[in-house]
Amino acid sequence: MAFRFRPVDASFYDLFRESSEHLVVGADLLAEMLAAEDVDREDVARRMREAEHAADETMHAIVKRVNSTFVTPFDREDIYSLASGLDDIMDMMDEAVDLILLYEVKHMPAELSNQVEVIQRCAELTREAMPRLQSMGALEEFWIEINRLENQGDKSYRRTLANLFSGDFKAIEVLKLKDIVTSLEGAIDAFEKVANIIEQIVVKES
């Protein structure tokens, strides 16, 4: 029986945990952006840009670590994929916040809050899952729940689109809101992609 031994390099796990922390911050800022009409959207957008920049820095640190480490805790391509997937989530949330600011949307459909709640829950679950990467244990419930939430987000996305095209909104509002809703859906899909990457890593390393 062959045994695989890889020296433990906790720095990778620390960086992935740090990356997931950025997602929680981004999800909370996204919720703040939609919380009330009198919110200072420029301030929220500024803080989101800072959070997105911090997330980029963490991703660069992961890539730099991979390129300078002879033995990685799991396959290099999987490390790249996971880091990139986490970064994609942050980019989609940043895009949604930026669009809300640029489009100057005054009234948000109530359905958008359902998508944001899914994003916040996905971010929390991802943060909880990252420390378990080191042992590769107790992660199955994570990707199963993320998949369930993604399905929930899909249903919310379809309901929101149906509402937008109901005739209650002006054409220009439909175009603006559709872009925002699509960005939110993109963030949820990106969470599922990360969950799938983690599942593949666990299966491969088992």
N, C-alpha and C. Protein backbone atom coordinates (compact mmCIF):
# COMPACT_ATOMS: atom_id res chain seq x y z
N MET A 1 0.85 -1.19 0.00
CA MET A 1 0.00 0.00 0.00
C MET A 1 0.88 1.24 0.00
N ALA A 2 0.63 2.17 -0.92
CA ALA A 2 1.44 3.38 -1.04
C ALA A 2 0.87 4.47 -0.15
N PHE A 3 1.74 5.18 0.51
CA PHE A 3 1.33 6.30 1.36
C PHE A 3 1.88 7.58 0.76
N ARG A 4 1.05 8.62 0.80
CA ARG A 4 1.48 9.92 0.30
C ARG A 4 1.76 10.82 1.49
N PHE A 5 2.93 11.37 1.48
CA PHE A 5 3.28 12.27 2.58
C PHE A 5 3.65 13.64 2.02
N ARG A 6 3.01 14.66 2.56
CA ARG A 6 3.35 16.02 2.15
C ARG A 6 3.56 16.86 3.40
N PRO A 7 4.66 17.55 3.50
CA PRO A 7 4.89 18.40 4.66
C PRO A 7 3.76 19.42 4.83
N VAL A 8 3.38 19.65 6.06
CA VAL A 8 2.29 20.59 6.33
C VAL A 8 2.79 22.02 6.19
N ASP A 9 2.17 22.77 5.31
CA ASP A 9 2.49 24.19 5.14
C ASP A 9 1.22 24.96 5.47
N ALA A 10 1.09 25.35 6.72
CA ALA A 10 -0.13 25.98 7.19
C ALA A 10 -0.41 27.33 6.54
N SER A 11 0.59 27.93 5.91
CA SER A 11 0.40 29.25 5.33
C SER A 11 -0.68 29.25 4.24
N PHE A 12 -0.77 28.16 3.48
CA PHE A 12 -1.79 28.08 2.44
C PHE A 12 -3.19 28.11 3.06
N TYR A 13 -3.36 27.33 4.13
CA TYR A 13 -4.67 27.27 4.78
C TYR A 13 -5.01 28.60 5.43
N ASP A 14 -4.02 29.27 5.97
CA ASP A 14 -4.25 30.59 6.56
C ASP A 14 -4.69 31.59 5.50
N LEU A 15 -4.08 31.51 4.32
CA LEU A 15 -4.42 32.42 3.24
C LEU A 15 -5.81 32.14 2.68
N PHE A 16 -6.17 30.88 2.57
CA PHE A 16 -7.52 30.55 2.12
C PHE A 16 -8.56 31.00 3.14
N ARG A 17 -8.24 30.87 4.41
CA ARG A 17 -9.14 31.34 5.45
C ARG A 17 -9.27 32.86 5.37
N GLU A 18 -8.16 33.53 5.13
CA GLU A 18 -8.17 34.98 4.98
C GLU A 18 -9.03 35.40 3.78
N SER A 19 -8.91 34.65 2.70
CA SER A 19 -9.70 34.94 1.51
C SER A 19 -11.20 34.80 1.79
N SER A 20 -11.56 33.80 2.55
CA SER A 20 -12.98 33.60 2.88
C SER A 20 -13.50 34.70 3.80
N GLU A 21 -12.63 35.25 4.63
CA GLU A 21 -13.03 36.37 5.50
C GLU A 21 -13.40 37.58 4.64
N HIS A 22 -12.66 37.80 3.56
CA HIS A 22 -12.98 38.91 2.66
C HIS A 22 -14.38 38.73 2.08
N LEU A 23 -14.76 37.50 1.80
CA LEU A 23 -16.08 37.25 1.22
C LEU A 23 -17.20 37.62 2.19
N VAL A 24 -16.99 37.34 3.47
CA VAL A 24 -17.99 37.70 4.48
C VAL A 24 -18.14 39.22 4.55
N VAL A 25 -17.01 39.91 4.52
CA VAL A 25 -17.04 41.38 4.52
C VAL A 25 -17.78 41.89 3.29
N GLY A 26 -17.46 41.32 2.12
CA GLY A 26 -18.10 41.76 0.89
C GLY A 26 -19.60 41.50 0.90
N ALA A 27 -20.02 40.34 1.40
CA ALA A 27 -21.44 40.01 1.45
C ALA A 27 -22.19 40.96 2.38
N ASP A 28 -21.57 41.31 3.50
CA ASP A 28 -22.20 42.24 4.44
C ASP A 28 -22.32 43.64 3.83
N LEU A 29 -21.31 44.06 3.07
CA LEU A 29 -21.37 45.35 2.41
C LEU A 29 -22.45 45.36 1.33
N LEU A 30 -22.60 44.25 0.65
CA LEU A 30 -23.64 44.12 -0.35
C LEU A 30 -25.01 44.26 0.30
N ALA A 31 -25.19 43.61 1.43
CA ALA A 31 -26.46 43.71 2.16
C ALA A 31 -26.69 45.14 2.63
N GLU A 32 -25.63 45.80 3.06
CA GLU A 32 -25.74 47.19 3.50
C GLU A 32 -26.15 48.10 2.34
N MET A 33 -25.65 47.81 1.15
CA MET A 33 -25.97 48.61 -0.02
C MET A 33 -27.46 48.56 -0.34
N LEU A 34 -28.10 47.43 -0.03
CA LEU A 34 -29.51 47.26 -0.34
C LEU A 34 -30.43 47.48 0.87
N ALA A 35 -29.82 47.76 2.02
CA ALA A 35 -30.60 47.78 3.26
C ALA A 35 -31.61 48.92 3.32
N ALA A 36 -31.21 50.10 2.87
CA ALA A 36 -32.10 51.27 2.98
C ALA A 36 -31.78 52.27 1.88
N GLU A 37 -32.79 53.04 1.51
CA GLU A 37 -32.60 54.01 0.43
C GLU A 37 -31.70 55.17 0.86
N ASP A 38 -31.64 55.44 2.17
CA ASP A 38 -30.87 56.59 2.63
C ASP A 38 -29.42 56.23 2.98
N VAL A 39 -29.00 55.00 2.63
CA VAL A 39 -27.63 54.59 2.92
C VAL A 39 -26.66 55.40 2.05
N ASP A 40 -25.49 55.67 2.59
CA ASP A 40 -24.46 56.39 1.84
C ASP A 40 -23.81 55.40 0.88
N ARG A 41 -24.34 55.32 -0.32
CA ARG A 41 -23.89 54.30 -1.27
C ARG A 41 -22.45 54.53 -1.72
N GLU A 42 -22.05 55.77 -1.82
CA GLU A 42 -20.66 56.04 -2.22
C GLU A 42 -19.69 55.51 -1.18
N ASP A 43 -20.05 55.64 0.08
CA ASP A 43 -19.19 55.14 1.16
C ASP A 43 -19.14 53.62 1.14
N VAL A 44 -20.30 53.00 0.93
CA VAL A 44 -20.33 51.53 0.87
C VAL A 44 -19.50 51.04 -0.31
N ALA A 45 -19.65 51.70 -1.46
CA ALA A 45 -18.90 51.31 -2.65
C ALA A 45 -17.40 51.48 -2.43
N ARG A 46 -17.03 52.53 -1.71
CA ARG A 46 -15.61 52.76 -1.41
C ARG A 46 -15.07 51.64 -0.54
N ARG A 47 -15.83 51.25 0.48
CA ARG A 47 -15.39 50.17 1.36
C ARG A 47 -15.36 48.82 0.63
N MET A 48 -16.28 48.65 -0.31
CA MET A 48 -16.27 47.43 -1.10
C MET A 48 -15.03 47.38 -1.99
N ARG A 49 -14.65 48.50 -2.57
CA ARG A 49 -13.44 48.54 -3.39
C ARG A 49 -12.21 48.20 -2.55
N GLU A 50 -12.18 48.69 -1.32
CA GLU A 50 -11.08 48.37 -0.41
C GLU A 50 -11.06 46.88 -0.09
N ALA A 51 -12.25 46.32 0.15
CA ALA A 51 -12.35 44.89 0.46
C ALA A 51 -11.93 44.04 -0.74
N GLU A 52 -12.34 44.48 -1.94
CA GLU A 52 -11.98 43.76 -3.15
C GLU A 52 -10.48 43.83 -3.40
N HIS A 53 -9.88 44.99 -3.10
CA HIS A 53 -8.43 45.14 -3.25
C HIS A 53 -7.70 44.22 -2.26
N ALA A 54 -8.21 44.15 -1.03
CA ALA A 54 -7.61 43.27 -0.02
C ALA A 54 -7.71 41.81 -0.47
N ALA A 55 -8.85 41.45 -1.08
CA ALA A 55 -9.03 40.09 -1.58
C ALA A 55 -8.04 39.78 -2.70
N ASP A 56 -7.81 40.77 -3.57
CA ASP A 56 -6.82 40.60 -4.64
C ASP A 56 -5.43 40.36 -4.07
N GLU A 57 -5.10 41.11 -3.02
CA GLU A 57 -3.79 40.96 -2.39
C GLU A 57 -3.61 39.55 -1.82
N THR A 58 -4.68 39.03 -1.23
CA THR A 58 -4.61 37.67 -0.68
C THR A 58 -4.43 36.65 -1.80
N MET A 59 -5.15 36.85 -2.89
CA MET A 59 -4.99 35.93 -4.02
C MET A 59 -3.56 35.97 -4.56
N HIS A 60 -3.01 37.16 -4.70
CA HIS A 60 -1.64 37.29 -5.19
C HIS A 60 -0.66 36.60 -4.24
N ALA A 61 -0.95 36.70 -2.93
CA ALA A 61 -0.08 36.05 -1.95
C ALA A 61 -0.13 34.53 -2.10
N ILE A 62 -1.33 34.00 -2.41
CA ILE A 62 -1.46 32.55 -2.62
C ILE A 62 -0.67 32.12 -3.84
N VAL A 63 -0.82 32.87 -4.94
CA VAL A 63 -0.11 32.53 -6.17
C VAL A 63 1.40 32.62 -5.96
N LYS A 64 1.83 33.66 -5.28
CA LYS A 64 3.26 33.82 -5.00
C LYS A 64 3.77 32.66 -4.15
N ARG A 65 2.95 32.23 -3.19
CA ARG A 65 3.34 31.12 -2.33
C ARG A 65 3.46 29.83 -3.12
N VAL A 66 2.52 29.61 -4.03
CA VAL A 66 2.57 28.40 -4.86
C VAL A 66 3.84 28.39 -5.70
N ASN A 67 4.16 29.55 -6.28
CA ASN A 67 5.31 29.63 -7.17
C ASN A 67 6.65 29.51 -6.45
N SER A 68 6.64 29.74 -5.14
CA SER A 68 7.89 29.70 -4.39
C SER A 68 8.01 28.47 -3.48
N THR A 69 7.00 27.60 -3.52
CA THR A 69 6.99 26.43 -2.66
C THR A 69 7.22 25.16 -3.48
N PHE A 70 8.17 24.37 -3.06
CA PHE A 70 8.49 23.15 -3.80
C PHE A 70 7.41 22.09 -3.63
N VAL A 71 6.96 21.88 -2.39
CA VAL A 71 5.92 20.90 -2.10
C VAL A 71 4.69 21.62 -1.56
N THR A 72 3.57 21.50 -2.25
CA THR A 72 2.33 22.15 -1.84
C THR A 72 1.42 21.14 -1.14
N PRO A 73 0.50 21.60 -0.30
CA PRO A 73 -0.36 20.68 0.46
C PRO A 73 -1.28 19.84 -0.43
N PHE A 74 -1.68 20.37 -1.58
CA PHE A 74 -2.38 19.60 -2.60
C PHE A 74 -2.03 20.18 -3.96
N ASP A 75 -2.55 19.60 -5.01
CA ASP A 75 -2.10 19.93 -6.36
C ASP A 75 -2.11 21.43 -6.64
N ARG A 76 -1.07 21.88 -7.32
CA ARG A 76 -0.94 23.30 -7.63
C ARG A 76 -2.13 23.83 -8.43
N GLU A 77 -2.57 23.06 -9.41
CA GLU A 77 -3.68 23.54 -10.24
C GLU A 77 -4.95 23.69 -9.41
N ASP A 78 -5.11 22.83 -8.39
CA ASP A 78 -6.27 22.95 -7.51
C ASP A 78 -6.16 24.19 -6.62
N ILE A 79 -4.96 24.50 -6.20
CA ILE A 79 -4.74 25.71 -5.39
C ILE A 79 -5.06 26.95 -6.23
N TYR A 80 -4.56 26.96 -7.46
CA TYR A 80 -4.86 28.07 -8.37
C TYR A 80 -6.37 28.20 -8.60
N SER A 81 -7.02 27.07 -8.85
CA SER A 81 -8.46 27.08 -9.13
C SER A 81 -9.26 27.59 -7.94
N LEU A 82 -8.90 27.14 -6.75
CA LEU A 82 -9.62 27.57 -5.55
C LEU A 82 -9.40 29.05 -5.29
N ALA A 83 -8.15 29.51 -5.41
CA ALA A 83 -7.86 30.93 -5.20
C ALA A 83 -8.60 31.79 -6.21
N SER A 84 -8.59 31.35 -7.47
CA SER A 84 -9.27 32.09 -8.52
C SER A 84 -10.78 32.10 -8.30
N GLY A 85 -11.33 30.96 -7.87
CA GLY A 85 -12.76 30.87 -7.62
C GLY A 85 -13.21 31.80 -6.51
N LEU A 86 -12.43 31.87 -5.43
CA LEU A 86 -12.75 32.77 -4.33
C LEU A 86 -12.68 34.22 -4.79
N ASP A 87 -11.69 34.52 -5.62
CA ASP A 87 -11.55 35.88 -6.14
C ASP A 87 -12.71 36.25 -7.05
N ASP A 88 -13.20 35.29 -7.83
CA ASP A 88 -14.33 35.55 -8.72
C ASP A 88 -15.58 35.94 -7.94
N ILE A 89 -15.79 35.31 -6.80
CA ILE A 89 -16.95 35.65 -5.96
C ILE A 89 -16.88 37.11 -5.55
N MET A 90 -15.70 37.52 -5.07
CA MET A 90 -15.53 38.90 -4.63
C MET A 90 -15.74 39.87 -5.78
N ASP A 91 -15.25 39.52 -6.94
CA ASP A 91 -15.40 40.38 -8.11
C ASP A 91 -16.88 40.57 -8.46
N MET A 92 -17.67 39.51 -8.38
CA MET A 92 -19.09 39.61 -8.71
C MET A 92 -19.83 40.47 -7.70
N MET A 93 -19.49 40.35 -6.43
CA MET A 93 -20.13 41.19 -5.41
C MET A 93 -19.74 42.65 -5.59
N ASP A 94 -18.48 42.88 -5.90
CA ASP A 94 -18.01 44.24 -6.16
C ASP A 94 -18.73 44.83 -7.37
N GLU A 95 -18.92 44.01 -8.40
CA GLU A 95 -19.62 44.47 -9.59
C GLU A 95 -21.05 44.88 -9.26
N ALA A 96 -21.74 44.08 -8.45
CA ALA A 96 -23.12 44.39 -8.08
C ALA A 96 -23.21 45.72 -7.34
N VAL A 97 -22.32 45.92 -6.38
CA VAL A 97 -22.31 47.17 -5.61
C VAL A 97 -22.01 48.35 -6.53
N ASP A 98 -21.05 48.17 -7.42
CA ASP A 98 -20.67 49.24 -8.34
C ASP A 98 -21.83 49.61 -9.26
N LEU A 99 -22.56 48.61 -9.75
CA LEU A 99 -23.68 48.88 -10.64
C LEU A 99 -24.80 49.63 -9.93
N ILE A 100 -25.06 49.25 -8.68
CA ILE A 100 -26.09 49.95 -7.90
C ILE A 100 -25.75 51.42 -7.78
N LEU A 101 -24.46 51.71 -7.54
CA LEU A 101 -24.01 53.09 -7.41
C LEU A 101 -24.08 53.81 -8.76
N LEU A 102 -23.53 53.21 -9.80
CA LEU A 102 -23.45 53.87 -11.11
C LEU A 102 -24.82 54.08 -11.74
N TYR A 103 -25.71 53.11 -11.58
CA TYR A 103 -27.03 53.20 -12.19
C TYR A 103 -27.98 54.10 -11.41
N GLU A 104 -27.58 54.44 -10.17
CA GLU A 104 -28.41 55.31 -9.32
C GLU A 104 -29.83 54.76 -9.18
N VAL A 105 -29.91 53.47 -8.92
CA VAL A 105 -31.21 52.83 -8.74
C VAL A 105 -31.80 53.25 -7.40
N LYS A 106 -32.99 53.80 -7.45
CA LYS A 106 -33.60 54.33 -6.23
C LYS A 106 -34.38 53.26 -5.46
N HIS A 107 -35.11 52.44 -6.20
CA HIS A 107 -35.97 51.45 -5.55
C HIS A 107 -35.57 50.05 -5.99
N MET A 108 -35.23 49.22 -5.03
CA MET A 108 -34.83 47.85 -5.30
C MET A 108 -36.01 46.89 -5.08
N PRO A 109 -36.23 45.97 -6.02
CA PRO A 109 -37.28 44.96 -5.80
C PRO A 109 -36.98 44.16 -4.55
N ALA A 110 -38.01 43.82 -3.82
CA ALA A 110 -37.83 43.09 -2.56
C ALA A 110 -37.13 41.75 -2.78
N GLU A 111 -37.31 41.18 -3.97
CA GLU A 111 -36.72 39.87 -4.24
C GLU A 111 -35.19 39.88 -4.18
N LEU A 112 -34.59 41.04 -4.40
CA LEU A 112 -33.13 41.11 -4.37
C LEU A 112 -32.57 40.75 -3.01
N SER A 113 -33.34 41.05 -1.97
CA SER A 113 -32.87 40.75 -0.62
C SER A 113 -32.73 39.24 -0.42
N ASN A 114 -33.57 38.45 -1.12
CA ASN A 114 -33.46 36.99 -1.02
C ASN A 114 -32.13 36.51 -1.58
N GLN A 115 -31.73 37.09 -2.72
CA GLN A 115 -30.44 36.71 -3.31
C GLN A 115 -29.28 37.10 -2.39
N VAL A 116 -29.38 38.27 -1.81
CA VAL A 116 -28.30 38.73 -0.93
C VAL A 116 -28.21 37.87 0.32
N GLU A 117 -29.35 37.45 0.85
CA GLU A 117 -29.34 36.55 2.00
C GLU A 117 -28.66 35.23 1.67
N VAL A 118 -28.90 34.72 0.46
CA VAL A 118 -28.23 33.49 0.02
C VAL A 118 -26.73 33.72 -0.06
N ILE A 119 -26.32 34.86 -0.60
CA ILE A 119 -24.90 35.18 -0.72
C ILE A 119 -24.25 35.27 0.67
N GLN A 120 -24.92 35.91 1.61
CA GLN A 120 -24.37 36.03 2.96
C GLN A 120 -24.21 34.65 3.60
N ARG A 121 -25.21 33.80 3.42
CA ARG A 121 -25.13 32.45 4.02
C ARG A 121 -24.01 31.64 3.37
N CYS A 122 -23.88 31.76 2.05
CA CYS A 122 -22.80 31.05 1.34
C CYS A 122 -21.43 31.52 1.84
N ALA A 123 -21.31 32.83 2.06
CA ALA A 123 -20.04 33.38 2.53
C ALA A 123 -19.70 32.85 3.92
N GLU A 124 -20.70 32.77 4.78
CA GLU A 124 -20.47 32.26 6.14
C GLU A 124 -20.06 30.79 6.11
N LEU A 125 -20.75 30.02 5.28
CA LEU A 125 -20.44 28.59 5.17
C LEU A 125 -19.04 28.37 4.61
N THR A 126 -18.66 29.20 3.64
CA THR A 126 -17.34 29.07 3.04
C THR A 126 -16.25 29.40 4.06
N ARG A 127 -16.50 30.43 4.87
CA ARG A 127 -15.54 30.78 5.93
C ARG A 127 -15.42 29.64 6.94
N GLU A 128 -16.54 29.01 7.28
CA GLU A 128 -16.50 27.90 8.23
C GLU A 128 -15.78 26.68 7.65
N ALA A 129 -15.86 26.53 6.33
CA ALA A 129 -15.28 25.34 5.69
C ALA A 129 -13.77 25.44 5.53
N MET A 130 -13.24 26.62 5.35
CA MET A 130 -11.81 26.77 5.05
C MET A 130 -10.87 26.12 6.07
N PRO A 131 -11.10 26.28 7.38
CA PRO A 131 -10.20 25.63 8.34
C PRO A 131 -10.19 24.10 8.23
N ARG A 132 -11.28 23.53 7.68
CA ARG A 132 -11.37 22.08 7.58
C ARG A 132 -10.62 21.53 6.37
N LEU A 133 -10.13 22.43 5.51
CA LEU A 133 -9.35 21.99 4.35
C LEU A 133 -8.09 21.25 4.78
N GLN A 134 -7.52 21.67 5.90
CA GLN A 134 -6.25 21.10 6.34
C GLN A 134 -6.38 19.62 6.68
N SER A 135 -7.53 19.25 7.24
CA SER A 135 -7.74 17.83 7.58
C SER A 135 -8.56 17.11 6.53
N MET A 136 -9.15 17.89 5.61
CA MET A 136 -10.02 17.34 4.55
C MET A 136 -11.22 16.60 5.15
N GLY A 137 -11.60 16.98 6.36
CA GLY A 137 -12.70 16.29 7.03
C GLY A 137 -13.93 17.16 7.18
N ALA A 138 -15.09 16.52 7.29
CA ALA A 138 -16.36 17.19 7.56
C ALA A 138 -16.67 18.31 6.57
N LEU A 139 -16.40 18.03 5.30
CA LEU A 139 -16.66 19.04 4.26
C LEU A 139 -17.83 18.69 3.35
N GLU A 140 -18.30 17.46 3.42
CA GLU A 140 -19.38 17.05 2.52
C GLU A 140 -20.64 17.87 2.75
N GLU A 141 -20.97 18.12 4.01
CA GLU A 141 -22.16 18.92 4.31
C GLU A 141 -22.04 20.32 3.72
N PHE A 142 -20.82 20.83 3.65
CA PHE A 142 -20.58 22.16 3.10
C PHE A 142 -21.01 22.23 1.64
N TRP A 143 -20.48 21.33 0.80
CA TRP A 143 -20.81 21.47 -0.61
C TRP A 143 -22.26 21.07 -0.91
N ILE A 144 -22.83 20.22 -0.10
CA ILE A 144 -24.24 19.87 -0.27
C ILE A 144 -25.12 21.08 0.04
N GLU A 145 -24.81 21.78 1.11
CA GLU A 145 -25.60 22.95 1.49
C GLU A 145 -25.41 24.10 0.51
N ILE A 146 -24.19 24.29 0.02
CA ILE A 146 -23.96 25.33 -0.98
C ILE A 146 -24.77 25.03 -2.24
N ASN A 147 -24.80 23.78 -2.64
CA ASN A 147 -25.59 23.38 -3.81
C ASN A 147 -27.08 23.67 -3.59
N ARG A 148 -27.56 23.39 -2.39
CA ARG A 148 -28.97 23.67 -2.08
C ARG A 148 -29.25 25.17 -2.15
N LEU A 149 -28.34 25.95 -1.60
CA LEU A 149 -28.51 27.40 -1.62
C LEU A 149 -28.45 27.94 -3.04
N GLU A 150 -27.59 27.35 -3.88
CA GLU A 150 -27.50 27.79 -5.27
C GLU A 150 -28.82 27.54 -5.99
N ASN A 151 -29.44 26.39 -5.72
CA ASN A 151 -30.75 26.10 -6.30
C ASN A 151 -31.80 27.09 -5.82
N GLN A 152 -31.72 27.45 -4.54
CA GLN A 152 -32.62 28.45 -3.98
C GLN A 152 -32.40 29.80 -4.66
N GLY A 153 -31.12 30.13 -4.88
CA GLY A 153 -30.80 31.39 -5.55
C GLY A 153 -31.31 31.42 -6.98
N ASP A 154 -31.24 30.27 -7.67
CA ASP A 154 -31.75 30.18 -9.04
C ASP A 154 -33.25 30.49 -9.09
N LYS A 155 -33.98 29.91 -8.15
CA LYS A 155 -35.43 30.15 -8.10
C LYS A 155 -35.72 31.62 -7.84
N SER A 156 -34.97 32.22 -6.92
CA SER A 156 -35.15 33.64 -6.62
C SER A 156 -34.82 34.49 -7.84
N TYR A 157 -33.76 34.10 -8.55
CA TYR A 157 -33.36 34.82 -9.77
C TYR A 157 -34.48 34.80 -10.81
N ARG A 158 -35.08 33.64 -11.02
CA ARG A 158 -36.15 33.53 -12.01
C ARG A 158 -37.38 34.32 -11.59
N ARG A 159 -37.72 34.28 -10.31
CA ARG A 159 -38.86 35.05 -9.83
C ARG A 159 -38.62 36.55 -9.99
N THR A 160 -37.38 36.97 -9.72
CA THR A 160 -37.04 38.39 -9.83
C THR A 160 -37.14 38.85 -11.29
N LEU A 161 -36.64 38.02 -12.21
CA LEU A 161 -36.74 38.37 -13.63
C LEU A 161 -38.20 38.46 -14.06
N ALA A 162 -39.01 37.52 -13.61
CA ALA A 162 -40.43 37.54 -13.95
C ALA A 162 -41.08 38.82 -13.45
N ASN A 163 -40.69 39.24 -12.27
CA ASN A 163 -41.23 40.48 -11.70
C ASN A 163 -40.79 41.69 -12.52
N LEU A 164 -39.52 41.69 -12.94
CA LEU A 164 -39.00 42.82 -13.71
C LEU A 164 -39.74 42.99 -15.04
N PHE A 165 -40.12 41.87 -15.63
CA PHE A 165 -40.78 41.91 -16.94
C PHE A 165 -42.30 41.86 -16.84
N SER A 166 -42.80 42.16 -15.64
CA SER A 166 -44.25 42.11 -15.42
C SER A 166 -44.98 43.33 -15.98
N GLY A 167 -44.22 44.37 -16.32
CA GLY A 167 -44.85 45.59 -16.81
C GLY A 167 -44.93 46.69 -15.76
N ASP A 168 -44.50 46.36 -14.55
CA ASP A 168 -44.55 47.35 -13.46
C ASP A 168 -43.34 48.27 -13.46
N PHE A 169 -42.34 47.97 -14.28
CA PHE A 169 -41.11 48.77 -14.30
C PHE A 169 -40.92 49.40 -15.68
N LYS A 170 -40.33 50.58 -15.69
CA LYS A 170 -39.98 51.22 -16.95
C LYS A 170 -38.85 50.44 -17.61
N ALA A 171 -38.77 50.56 -18.93
CA ALA A 171 -37.79 49.78 -19.70
C ALA A 171 -36.37 50.02 -19.20
N ILE A 172 -36.02 51.27 -18.94
CA ILE A 172 -34.65 51.59 -18.50
C ILE A 172 -34.37 50.99 -17.13
N GLU A 173 -35.40 50.95 -16.27
CA GLU A 173 -35.23 50.35 -14.94
C GLU A 173 -35.03 48.85 -15.06
N VAL A 174 -35.74 48.23 -16.00
CA VAL A 174 -35.60 46.79 -16.22
C VAL A 174 -34.16 46.46 -16.62
N LEU A 175 -33.60 47.25 -17.53
CA LEU A 175 -32.23 47.01 -17.99
C LEU A 175 -31.22 47.14 -16.84
N LYS A 176 -31.39 48.19 -16.05
CA LYS A 176 -30.48 48.42 -14.93
C LYS A 176 -30.57 47.29 -13.90
N LEU A 177 -31.81 46.98 -13.49
CA LEU A 177 -32.01 45.99 -12.44
C LEU A 177 -31.61 44.59 -12.92
N LYS A 178 -31.82 44.32 -14.19
CA LYS A 178 -31.44 43.00 -14.72
C LYS A 178 -29.93 42.80 -14.60
N ASP A 179 -29.15 43.84 -14.87
CA ASP A 179 -27.69 43.74 -14.73
C ASP A 179 -27.30 43.44 -13.29
N ILE A 180 -27.95 44.14 -12.36
CA ILE A 180 -27.64 43.95 -10.93
C ILE A 180 -28.00 42.55 -10.48
N VAL A 181 -29.21 42.12 -10.85
CA VAL A 181 -29.68 40.78 -10.47
C VAL A 181 -28.77 39.70 -11.05
N THR A 182 -28.32 39.91 -12.27
CA THR A 182 -27.43 38.95 -12.92
C THR A 182 -26.08 38.87 -12.21
N SER A 183 -25.59 40.00 -11.74
CA SER A 183 -24.34 40.00 -10.97
C SER A 183 -24.49 39.23 -9.67
N LEU A 184 -25.62 39.41 -9.00
CA LEU A 184 -25.88 38.67 -7.76
C LEU A 184 -25.95 37.17 -8.05
N GLU A 185 -26.62 36.82 -9.14
CA GLU A 185 -26.70 35.41 -9.52
C GLU A 185 -25.32 34.86 -9.84
N GLY A 186 -24.49 35.69 -10.47
CA GLY A 186 -23.12 35.28 -10.78
C GLY A 186 -22.32 34.98 -9.53
N ALA A 187 -22.53 35.77 -8.47
CA ALA A 187 -21.83 35.55 -7.20
C ALA A 187 -22.25 34.21 -6.59
N ILE A 188 -23.55 33.92 -6.64
CA ILE A 188 -24.05 32.66 -6.09
C ILE A 188 -23.50 31.48 -6.87
N ASP A 189 -23.49 31.60 -8.19
CA ASP A 189 -22.93 30.53 -9.03
C ASP A 189 -21.45 30.32 -8.72
N ALA A 190 -20.74 31.43 -8.45
CA ALA A 190 -19.31 31.33 -8.16
C ALA A 190 -19.07 30.61 -6.83
N PHE A 191 -19.97 30.77 -5.87
CA PHE A 191 -19.87 30.03 -4.61
C PHE A 191 -20.00 28.53 -4.88
N GLU A 192 -20.94 28.16 -5.75
CA GLU A 192 -21.10 26.74 -6.06
C GLU A 192 -19.86 26.20 -6.76
N LYS A 193 -19.26 27.01 -7.62
CA LYS A 193 -18.03 26.57 -8.30
C LYS A 193 -16.93 26.29 -7.27
N VAL A 194 -16.79 27.16 -6.27
CA VAL A 194 -15.80 26.95 -5.22
C VAL A 194 -16.10 25.66 -4.45
N ALA A 195 -17.37 25.44 -4.14
CA ALA A 195 -17.75 24.22 -3.42
C ALA A 195 -17.40 22.99 -4.25
N ASN A 196 -17.62 23.07 -5.56
CA ASN A 196 -17.29 21.95 -6.44
C ASN A 196 -15.78 21.70 -6.47
N ILE A 197 -15.01 22.77 -6.48
CA ILE A 197 -13.53 22.64 -6.47
C ILE A 197 -13.08 21.96 -5.18
N ILE A 198 -13.66 22.38 -4.06
CA ILE A 198 -13.30 21.76 -2.78
C ILE A 198 -13.68 20.29 -2.76
N GLU A 199 -14.84 19.95 -3.31
CA GLU A 199 -15.24 18.54 -3.37
C GLU A 199 -14.23 17.74 -4.19
N GLN A 200 -13.79 18.28 -5.32
CA GLN A 200 -12.83 17.60 -6.17
C GLN A 200 -11.49 17.41 -5.44
N ILE A 201 -11.09 18.42 -4.69
CA ILE A 201 -9.82 18.33 -3.94
C ILE A 201 -9.93 17.22 -2.90
N VAL A 202 -11.03 17.19 -2.16
CA VAL A 202 -11.22 16.18 -1.11
C VAL A 202 -11.21 14.77 -1.72
N VAL A 203 -11.92 14.59 -2.82
CA VAL A 203 -11.98 13.27 -3.47
C VAL A 203 -10.57 12.87 -3.95
N LYS A 204 -9.87 13.80 -4.54
CA LYS A 204 -8.55 13.52 -5.08
C LYS A 204 -7.54 13.18 -3.98
N GLU A 205 -7.66 13.87 -2.84
CA GLU A 205 -6.68 13.70 -1.77
C GLU A 205 -7.05 12.57 -0.81
N SER A 206 -8.24 12.03 -0.94
CA SER A 206 -8.67 10.96 -0.02
C SER A 206 -7.93 9.66 -0.30
